[in-house]
Amino acid sequence: MSNCQGLGDCDESRLERLYEYLDGALTAADVAEIRAHLESCAECREEHNLECMIRSAMKRSCSEQAPATLKMSILEKIHAVRGAAEAAEV
C-alpha cells in the first residue's frame, strides 16, 4: 500500500485515477489536481511515466484504430456505472 494522498490511499485507487487522467476521462479540475500531485510525488510520477511508455509501445505496434463512437460508448458506460455506485453509497 502507498501512503500517497493526492490520488488515493491505496495503489488500486491511485492507478484508476491515473488511467482516467491518461485517457482524458477527467474534469479539468481533476486534471489540474493530478498534474499538481504528479509534480510532487515521485512514486506517482514513476507510475505515470511507466504507463506512458507502455501506451507508446502499444501505439507503435498497433496500426488499427477503433471506431470514434467506441470511446464515447465506453465513457458513457463508465459514467453510468460510477453514478450508480455513488448513488448506492448514499
Protein backbone atom coordinates (compact mmCIF):
# COMPACT_ATOMS: atom_id res chain seq x y z
CA MET A 1 0.00 0.00 0.00
CA SER A 2 1.06 3.51 -0.69
CA ASN A 3 0.55 6.49 1.56
CA CYS A 4 0.06 8.66 -1.49
CA GLN A 5 -2.59 11.21 -0.55
CA GLY A 6 -3.25 13.02 -3.82
CA LEU A 7 -4.54 10.13 -5.93
CA GLY A 8 -5.92 7.91 -3.21
CA ASP A 9 -4.61 5.97 -0.25
CA CYS A 10 -4.28 2.62 -1.99
CA ASP A 11 -2.46 1.62 -5.14
CA GLU A 12 -5.61 0.43 -6.93
CA SER A 13 -7.45 3.72 -6.40
CA ARG A 14 -4.38 5.71 -7.36
CA LEU A 15 -3.87 3.74 -10.56
CA GLU A 16 -7.53 4.04 -11.55
CA ARG A 17 -7.34 7.84 -11.32
CA LEU A 18 -4.04 7.83 -13.22
CA TYR A 19 -5.56 5.73 -16.02
CA GLU A 20 -8.55 8.07 -16.20
CA TYR A 21 -6.14 11.02 -16.35
CA LEU A 22 -4.18 9.47 -19.22
CA ASP A 23 -7.40 8.51 -21.01
CA GLY A 24 -8.71 12.08 -20.86
CA ALA A 25 -11.71 10.98 -18.82
CA LEU A 26 -11.49 13.53 -16.01
CA THR A 27 -12.78 17.02 -15.45
CA ALA A 28 -10.44 19.97 -15.84
CA ALA A 29 -10.33 20.37 -12.06
CA ASP A 30 -9.34 16.72 -11.59
CA VAL A 31 -6.69 17.02 -14.30
CA ALA A 32 -5.19 20.06 -12.56
CA GLU A 33 -5.22 18.24 -9.22
CA ILE A 34 -3.46 15.20 -10.65
CA ARG A 35 -0.89 17.28 -12.55
CA ALA A 36 -0.03 19.14 -9.37
CA HIS A 37 0.23 15.87 -7.49
CA LEU A 38 2.50 14.31 -10.13
CA GLU A 39 4.89 17.23 -9.72
CA SER A 40 5.28 16.49 -6.02
CA CYS A 41 5.04 12.69 -5.82
CA ALA A 42 7.90 10.66 -7.27
CA GLU A 43 6.04 7.36 -6.85
CA CYS A 44 3.03 8.52 -8.87
CA ARG A 45 5.25 10.24 -11.42
CA GLU A 46 7.10 6.94 -11.91
CA GLU A 47 3.80 5.10 -12.44
CA HIS A 48 2.71 7.82 -14.88
CA ASN A 49 5.95 7.59 -16.86
CA LEU A 50 5.78 3.79 -16.99
CA GLU A 51 2.18 3.86 -18.23
CA CYS A 52 3.12 6.45 -20.87
CA MET A 53 5.93 4.20 -22.11
CA ILE A 54 3.59 1.19 -22.26
CA ARG A 55 0.95 3.17 -24.14
CA SER A 56 3.56 4.49 -26.56
CA ALA A 57 4.81 0.97 -27.29
CA MET A 58 1.24 -0.22 -27.82
CA LYS A 59 0.53 2.62 -30.26
CA ARG A 60 3.66 1.81 -32.27
CA SER A 61 2.72 -1.86 -32.51
CA CYS A 62 -0.96 -1.37 -33.36
CA SER A 63 -1.96 0.15 -36.65
CA GLU A 64 -5.71 -0.40 -36.40
CA GLN A 65 -7.96 2.27 -34.97
CA ALA A 66 -11.16 1.68 -33.05
CA PRO A 67 -14.28 3.47 -34.29
CA ALA A 68 -14.66 7.00 -32.90
CA THR A 69 -18.00 6.07 -31.36
CA LEU A 70 -16.37 3.36 -29.26
CA LYS A 71 -14.67 5.82 -26.89
CA MET A 72 -17.92 7.70 -26.33
CA SER A 73 -19.80 4.47 -25.71
CA ILE A 74 -17.21 3.27 -23.20
CA LEU A 75 -17.09 6.62 -21.39
CA GLU A 76 -20.89 6.71 -21.16
CA LYS A 77 -20.88 3.25 -19.58
CA ILE A 78 -18.12 4.19 -17.15
CA HIS A 79 -20.03 7.30 -16.05
CA ALA A 80 -23.25 5.29 -15.69
CA VAL A 81 -21.55 2.65 -13.54
CA ARG A 82 -19.77 5.29 -11.47
CA GLY A 83 -23.05 7.18 -10.98
CA ALA A 84 -24.83 4.01 -9.86
CA ALA A 85 -22.01 3.21 -7.44
CA GLU A 86 -22.10 6.71 -5.96
CA ALA A 87 -25.89 6.56 -5.61
CA ALA A 88 -25.57 3.21 -3.79
CA GLU A 89 -23.08 4.72 -1.32
CA VAL A 90 -25.52 7.45 -0.29
